[in-house]
Amino acid sequence: MIHVAMFDFDQTLADSTRGAVDCVNHALRKMGRAPVEPAAIHQTVGLSLSRTFHVLTGTSDPAEAADFSRWFIERADQVMVELTIIFPRLPPPSPNFLSPAFAPRSSPRSSVTGSNASSSVSASSTPSK
């Protein structure tokens, strides 16, 4: 039985690049750095925030990467939802997705993980009995 279904968000279910550009440049300005062209930021979508900082600035200082992440998240909390476009139409799910293998278990559990967007997220939840 399959216990997990994974979905790719960026450029599959939605386009968050406008928000990413806004948040990256907000963080860089807060750090006294020049803004970066949107095309360069688009190339970093899907990377962790610390890796995004390194790719865009060439700097790998952990303290600066932490500052960048903090400023990015601050701005993302304000604008990311508004600037994200959810695609209006998606292809139909695979027939396998609807198979009994994806049926809930006796104790269902959900899990979300990610490393970009507004922050690194790793959470799971198991209902109490």
Protein backbone atom coordinates (compact mmCIF):
# COMPACT_ATOMS: atom_id res chain seq x y z
CA MET A 1 0.00 0.00 0.00
CA ILE A 2 1.20 3.50 -0.82
CA HIS A 3 1.40 5.77 2.24
CA VAL A 4 2.48 9.04 0.67
CA ALA A 5 1.47 11.25 -2.24
CA MET A 6 3.82 14.07 -3.17
CA PHE A 7 3.06 17.18 -5.19
CA ASP A 8 5.43 19.65 -6.79
CA PHE A 9 4.10 23.15 -6.15
CA ASP A 10 6.19 25.69 -8.07
CA GLN A 11 5.40 25.78 -11.76
CA THR A 12 3.15 22.71 -11.41
CA LEU A 13 0.24 23.85 -9.25
CA ALA A 14 1.11 27.53 -9.04
CA ASP A 15 3.54 30.25 -10.05
CA SER A 16 5.15 32.00 -7.07
CA THR A 17 7.96 33.67 -9.01
CA ARG A 18 6.53 37.20 -8.60
CA GLY A 19 6.54 36.69 -4.85
CA ALA A 20 10.02 35.20 -4.92
CA VAL A 21 11.38 38.21 -6.84
CA ASP A 22 9.73 40.62 -4.42
CA CYS A 23 10.95 38.75 -1.32
CA VAL A 24 14.51 38.20 -2.55
CA ASN A 25 14.96 41.84 -3.47
CA HIS A 26 13.36 42.98 -0.20
CA ALA A 27 15.87 40.86 1.74
CA LEU A 28 18.82 42.09 -0.33
CA ARG A 29 17.81 45.75 0.12
CA LYS A 30 17.45 45.22 3.89
CA MET A 31 21.03 43.90 3.85
CA GLY A 32 22.30 46.93 1.93
CA ARG A 33 22.78 44.96 -1.27
CA ALA A 34 21.65 45.82 -4.79
CA PRO A 35 18.50 44.14 -6.12
CA VAL A 36 18.88 41.24 -8.57
CA GLU A 37 17.23 40.87 -11.98
CA PRO A 38 14.06 38.75 -11.96
CA ALA A 39 15.51 36.26 -14.47
CA ALA A 40 18.34 35.41 -12.06
CA ILE A 41 15.90 34.94 -9.19
CA HIS A 42 13.67 32.70 -11.34
CA GLN A 43 16.62 30.32 -11.70
CA THR A 44 16.72 29.85 -7.92
CA VAL A 45 13.08 28.85 -7.42
CA GLY A 46 13.11 25.49 -5.67
CA LEU A 47 16.41 26.05 -3.86
CA SER A 48 16.65 26.58 -0.12
CA LEU A 49 16.86 30.20 0.96
CA SER A 50 20.50 29.86 2.02
CA ARG A 51 21.38 28.31 -1.35
CA THR A 52 19.41 31.05 -3.14
CA PHE A 53 21.44 33.67 -1.28
CA HIS A 54 24.71 31.96 -2.21
CA VAL A 55 23.77 31.56 -5.90
CA LEU A 56 22.65 35.19 -6.23
CA THR A 57 25.46 36.83 -4.25
CA GLY A 58 28.37 34.38 -4.29
CA THR A 59 28.46 34.70 -0.50
CA SER A 60 28.31 31.58 1.66
CA ASP A 61 28.55 33.19 5.11
CA PRO A 62 25.98 31.38 7.30
CA ALA A 63 25.17 34.50 9.33
CA GLU A 64 24.42 36.52 6.19
CA ALA A 65 22.37 33.64 4.77
CA ALA A 66 20.37 33.57 8.03
CA ASP A 67 19.76 37.34 7.77
CA PHE A 68 18.67 36.92 4.15
CA SER A 69 16.28 34.12 5.14
CA ARG A 70 14.82 36.20 7.98
CA TRP A 71 14.18 39.21 5.72
CA PHE A 72 12.79 36.98 2.94
CA ILE A 73 10.36 35.30 5.33
CA GLU A 74 9.30 38.64 6.82
CA ARG A 75 8.30 39.86 3.37
CA ALA A 76 6.83 36.53 2.27
CA ASP A 77 4.45 36.61 5.22
CA GLN A 78 3.15 39.93 3.86
CA VAL A 79 2.97 39.34 0.08
CA MET A 80 3.56 35.75 -1.02
CA VAL A 81 -0.08 34.63 -1.05
CA GLU A 82 -1.21 37.73 -2.95
CA LEU A 83 1.60 37.40 -5.51
CA THR A 84 1.19 33.67 -6.13
CA ILE A 85 -0.91 32.61 -9.11
CA ILE A 86 -2.70 29.29 -8.73
CA PHE A 87 -3.01 27.69 -12.15
CA PRO A 88 -6.68 27.55 -13.15
CA ARG A 89 -6.59 24.15 -14.79
CA LEU A 90 -4.53 21.11 -14.04
CA PRO A 91 -4.35 17.86 -15.93
CA PRO A 92 -6.53 15.08 -14.50
CA PRO A 93 -4.89 12.93 -11.83
CA SER A 94 -3.29 9.68 -12.78
CA PRO A 95 -5.71 6.73 -12.57
CA ASN A 96 -3.24 5.16 -10.13
CA PHE A 97 -3.75 8.11 -7.78
CA LEU A 98 -7.39 7.15 -7.44
CA SER A 99 -6.63 3.50 -6.77
CA PRO A 100 -7.25 1.76 -3.43
CA ALA A 101 -3.52 2.00 -2.73
CA PHE A 102 -4.11 5.67 -1.92
CA ALA A 103 -7.02 4.98 0.42
CA PRO A 104 -6.61 6.30 3.98
CA ARG A 105 -5.06 3.98 6.51
CA SER A 106 -6.75 3.16 9.79
CA SER A 107 -4.69 5.95 11.40
CA PRO A 108 -4.21 8.55 8.67
CA ARG A 109 -1.20 10.83 8.84
CA SER A 110 -0.43 13.91 6.81
CA SER A 111 2.98 15.35 6.12
CA VAL A 112 4.25 18.53 4.48
CA THR A 113 7.86 19.26 3.65
CA GLY A 114 9.54 21.96 1.67
CA SER A 115 12.64 24.09 1.52
CA ASN A 116 11.73 27.20 -0.40
CA ALA A 117 8.90 29.69 -0.50
CA SER A 118 8.64 31.54 2.76
CA SER A 119 10.59 29.11 4.93
CA SER A 120 11.81 25.60 5.40
CA VAL A 121 8.89 23.53 6.55
CA SER A 122 8.74 20.04 7.87
CA ALA A 123 5.61 18.97 9.66
CA SER A 124 3.60 15.86 10.09
CA SER A 125 0.48 15.11 11.99
CA THR A 126 -1.07 11.95 13.29
CA PRO A 127 -4.57 12.18 14.72
CA SER A 128 -4.93 11.34 18.38
CA LYS A 129 -6.90 8.23 19.27
